[in-house]
Amino acid sequence: MVRVLKPIYAKTDISLLDSKFSYKPSEVVQLLSTIVQLQGLPITVQETPEGCVQFIIDNSTYTIIEEEQLASVQ
């Protein structure tokens, strides 16, 4: 089986974020599990050796990285 990974990039204007809110990875998993299209799919979270967070939804892995790390991924 060949698995093709397609990166998804999101750009957020940090000034728009309210810094008083932060979420634990487990809280993000709980939020994701309420999305209708994701219900019934296994959703887990793990930390990479580099200190990034990965959300695994069914057979897809989404890695959350800092913008500074983006150049090394592209």
N, C-alpha and C. Protein backbone atom coordinates (compact mmCIF):
# COMPACT_ATOMS: atom_id res chain seq x y z
N MET A 1 0.83 -1.17 0.00
CA MET A 1 0.00 0.00 0.00
C MET A 1 0.88 1.24 0.00
N VAL A 2 0.63 2.16 -0.91
CA VAL A 2 1.36 3.41 -0.97
C VAL A 2 0.49 4.49 -0.35
N ARG A 3 1.06 5.25 0.53
CA ARG A 3 0.31 6.32 1.19
C ARG A 3 0.89 7.65 0.75
N VAL A 4 0.08 8.48 0.14
CA VAL A 4 0.50 9.80 -0.31
C VAL A 4 0.06 10.81 0.74
N LEU A 5 1.03 11.56 1.23
CA LEU A 5 0.72 12.57 2.23
C LEU A 5 0.66 13.93 1.55
N LYS A 6 -0.38 14.63 1.79
CA LYS A 6 -0.55 15.97 1.24
C LYS A 6 -0.62 16.94 2.40
N PRO A 7 0.36 17.84 2.50
CA PRO A 7 0.33 18.77 3.63
C PRO A 7 -0.83 19.75 3.52
N ILE A 8 -1.33 20.14 4.66
CA ILE A 8 -2.36 21.16 4.75
C ILE A 8 -1.74 22.31 5.51
N TYR A 9 -1.77 23.49 4.94
CA TYR A 9 -1.19 24.66 5.58
C TYR A 9 -2.30 25.62 5.99
N ALA A 10 -2.15 26.19 7.15
CA ALA A 10 -3.10 27.20 7.62
C ALA A 10 -2.30 28.38 8.12
N LYS A 11 -2.71 29.54 7.75
CA LYS A 11 -2.04 30.74 8.22
C LYS A 11 -3.01 31.48 9.11
N THR A 12 -2.56 31.82 10.28
CA THR A 12 -3.39 32.52 11.24
C THR A 12 -2.67 33.79 11.66
N ASP A 13 -3.39 34.87 11.62
CA ASP A 13 -2.86 36.12 12.14
C ASP A 13 -2.92 36.01 13.65
N ILE A 14 -1.76 35.84 14.26
CA ILE A 14 -1.69 35.61 15.70
C ILE A 14 -2.36 36.75 16.47
N SER A 15 -2.32 37.97 15.93
CA SER A 15 -2.94 39.09 16.64
C SER A 15 -4.45 38.90 16.78
N LEU A 16 -5.05 38.03 15.95
CA LEU A 16 -6.47 37.79 16.05
C LEU A 16 -6.83 36.81 17.15
N LEU A 17 -5.84 36.06 17.61
CA LEU A 17 -6.10 35.06 18.64
C LEU A 17 -6.10 35.71 20.02
N ASP A 18 -7.02 35.30 20.84
CA ASP A 18 -7.08 35.79 22.21
C ASP A 18 -6.16 34.91 23.04
N SER A 19 -5.07 35.47 23.52
CA SER A 19 -4.06 34.67 24.20
C SER A 19 -4.52 34.12 25.53
N LYS A 20 -5.68 34.56 26.04
CA LYS A 20 -6.13 34.01 27.32
C LYS A 20 -6.73 32.62 27.16
N PHE A 21 -6.94 32.17 25.91
CA PHE A 21 -7.47 30.84 25.67
C PHE A 21 -6.36 29.93 25.17
N SER A 22 -6.25 28.80 25.77
CA SER A 22 -5.35 27.76 25.27
C SER A 22 -6.03 26.43 25.56
N TYR A 23 -5.74 25.48 24.72
CA TYR A 23 -6.41 24.18 24.82
C TYR A 23 -5.39 23.07 24.92
N LYS A 24 -5.68 22.12 25.76
CA LYS A 24 -4.86 20.92 25.87
C LYS A 24 -5.16 20.04 24.67
N PRO A 25 -4.18 19.25 24.23
CA PRO A 25 -4.46 18.33 23.11
C PRO A 25 -5.68 17.45 23.35
N SER A 26 -5.87 17.00 24.57
CA SER A 26 -7.04 16.15 24.86
C SER A 26 -8.34 16.92 24.66
N GLU A 27 -8.33 18.23 24.93
CA GLU A 27 -9.54 19.04 24.71
C GLU A 27 -9.81 19.22 23.22
N VAL A 28 -8.74 19.31 22.42
CA VAL A 28 -8.92 19.41 20.97
C VAL A 28 -9.49 18.11 20.44
N VAL A 29 -9.02 16.98 20.95
CA VAL A 29 -9.57 15.68 20.54
C VAL A 29 -11.05 15.61 20.89
N GLN A 30 -11.41 16.09 22.06
CA GLN A 30 -12.82 16.09 22.46
C GLN A 30 -13.64 16.96 21.51
N LEU A 31 -13.11 18.12 21.13
CA LEU A 31 -13.80 19.00 20.19
C LEU A 31 -13.94 18.33 18.82
N LEU A 32 -12.85 17.73 18.33
CA LEU A 32 -12.90 17.06 17.03
C LEU A 32 -13.94 15.94 17.01
N SER A 33 -14.06 15.24 18.12
CA SER A 33 -14.99 14.11 18.17
C SER A 33 -16.44 14.55 18.10
N THR A 34 -16.72 15.84 18.29
CA THR A 34 -18.10 16.33 18.18
C THR A 34 -18.46 16.72 16.75
N ILE A 35 -17.50 16.76 15.85
CA ILE A 35 -17.76 17.11 14.45
C ILE A 35 -18.46 15.94 13.77
N VAL A 36 -19.60 16.20 13.19
CA VAL A 36 -20.44 15.15 12.61
C VAL A 36 -19.66 14.28 11.63
N GLN A 37 -18.88 14.88 10.74
CA GLN A 37 -18.14 14.13 9.73
C GLN A 37 -17.06 13.24 10.34
N LEU A 38 -16.67 13.51 11.57
CA LEU A 38 -15.61 12.72 12.21
C LEU A 38 -16.15 11.71 13.21
N GLN A 39 -17.44 11.77 13.49
CA GLN A 39 -18.01 10.85 14.48
C GLN A 39 -17.87 9.42 14.00
N GLY A 40 -17.48 8.57 14.92
CA GLY A 40 -17.29 7.16 14.61
C GLY A 40 -15.86 6.83 14.19
N LEU A 41 -15.06 7.86 13.91
CA LEU A 41 -13.66 7.63 13.53
C LEU A 41 -12.79 7.69 14.78
N PRO A 42 -11.75 6.84 14.84
CA PRO A 42 -10.85 6.94 15.98
C PRO A 42 -10.03 8.22 15.88
N ILE A 43 -9.95 8.97 16.97
CA ILE A 43 -9.18 10.22 17.02
C ILE A 43 -8.25 10.12 18.23
N THR A 44 -6.95 10.22 17.96
CA THR A 44 -5.97 10.18 19.03
C THR A 44 -4.98 11.32 18.86
N VAL A 45 -4.18 11.54 19.88
CA VAL A 45 -3.17 12.59 19.85
C VAL A 45 -1.87 12.02 20.42
N GLN A 46 -0.77 12.47 19.86
CA GLN A 46 0.54 12.06 20.38
C GLN A 46 1.55 13.17 20.13
N GLU A 47 2.59 13.18 20.94
CA GLU A 47 3.67 14.15 20.77
C GLU A 47 4.81 13.50 20.01
N THR A 48 5.40 14.24 19.07
CA THR A 48 6.53 13.72 18.30
C THR A 48 7.81 13.96 19.08
N PRO A 49 8.89 13.28 18.71
CA PRO A 49 10.19 13.54 19.37
C PRO A 49 10.63 15.00 19.23
N GLU A 50 10.17 15.68 18.19
CA GLU A 50 10.54 17.08 17.98
C GLU A 50 9.70 18.03 18.83
N GLY A 51 8.73 17.51 19.55
CA GLY A 51 7.89 18.34 20.40
C GLY A 51 6.65 18.86 19.71
N CYS A 52 6.35 18.37 18.53
CA CYS A 52 5.13 18.76 17.82
C CYS A 52 3.98 17.88 18.29
N VAL A 53 2.77 18.29 17.98
CA VAL A 53 1.59 17.51 18.32
C VAL A 53 1.02 16.91 17.05
N GLN A 54 0.69 15.64 17.11
CA GLN A 54 0.05 14.97 15.98
C GLN A 54 -1.34 14.51 16.39
N PHE A 55 -2.31 14.84 15.55
CA PHE A 55 -3.66 14.32 15.72
C PHE A 55 -3.86 13.26 14.66
N ILE A 56 -4.21 12.05 15.09
CA ILE A 56 -4.44 10.95 14.17
C ILE A 56 -5.95 10.72 14.11
N ILE A 57 -6.51 10.94 12.92
CA ILE A 57 -7.94 10.76 12.70
C ILE A 57 -8.09 9.65 11.68
N ASP A 58 -8.59 8.50 12.15
CA ASP A 58 -8.72 7.31 11.31
C ASP A 58 -7.34 6.95 10.76
N ASN A 59 -7.13 7.02 9.46
CA ASN A 59 -5.83 6.68 8.86
C ASN A 59 -5.03 7.91 8.46
N SER A 60 -5.44 9.10 8.88
CA SER A 60 -4.75 10.33 8.50
C SER A 60 -4.08 10.95 9.72
N THR A 61 -2.88 11.48 9.51
CA THR A 61 -2.13 12.12 10.58
C THR A 61 -1.94 13.59 10.26
N TYR A 62 -2.27 14.45 11.22
CA TYR A 62 -2.13 15.89 11.07
C TYR A 62 -1.16 16.37 12.13
N THR A 63 -0.04 16.94 11.70
CA THR A 63 0.99 17.40 12.61
C THR A 63 0.90 18.92 12.74
N ILE A 64 0.84 19.39 13.97
CA ILE A 64 0.79 20.82 14.24
C ILE A 64 2.22 21.26 14.53
N ILE A 65 2.73 22.17 13.68
CA ILE A 65 4.09 22.65 13.86
C ILE A 65 4.10 24.17 13.91
N GLU A 66 5.16 24.71 14.48
CA GLU A 66 5.35 26.15 14.51
C GLU A 66 5.74 26.65 13.14
N GLU A 67 5.46 27.90 12.84
CA GLU A 67 5.77 28.47 11.54
C GLU A 67 7.27 28.40 11.24
N GLU A 68 8.09 28.52 12.27
CA GLU A 68 9.55 28.45 12.09
C GLU A 68 9.99 27.08 11.57
N GLN A 69 9.26 26.04 11.89
CA GLN A 69 9.59 24.69 11.46
C GLN A 69 9.07 24.39 10.06
N LEU A 70 8.22 25.24 9.53
CA LEU A 70 7.58 25.00 8.25
C LEU A 70 8.57 24.86 7.10
N ALA A 71 9.64 25.63 7.10
CA ALA A 71 10.63 25.59 6.02
C ALA A 71 11.28 24.21 5.92
N SER A 72 11.48 23.55 7.04
CA SER A 72 12.12 22.24 7.01
C SER A 72 11.18 21.15 6.50
N VAL A 73 9.88 21.40 6.50
CA VAL A 73 8.89 20.42 6.06
C VAL A 73 8.64 20.51 4.56
N GLN A 74 8.70 21.73 4.03
CA GLN A 74 8.37 21.93 2.61
C GLN A 74 9.41 21.37 1.70
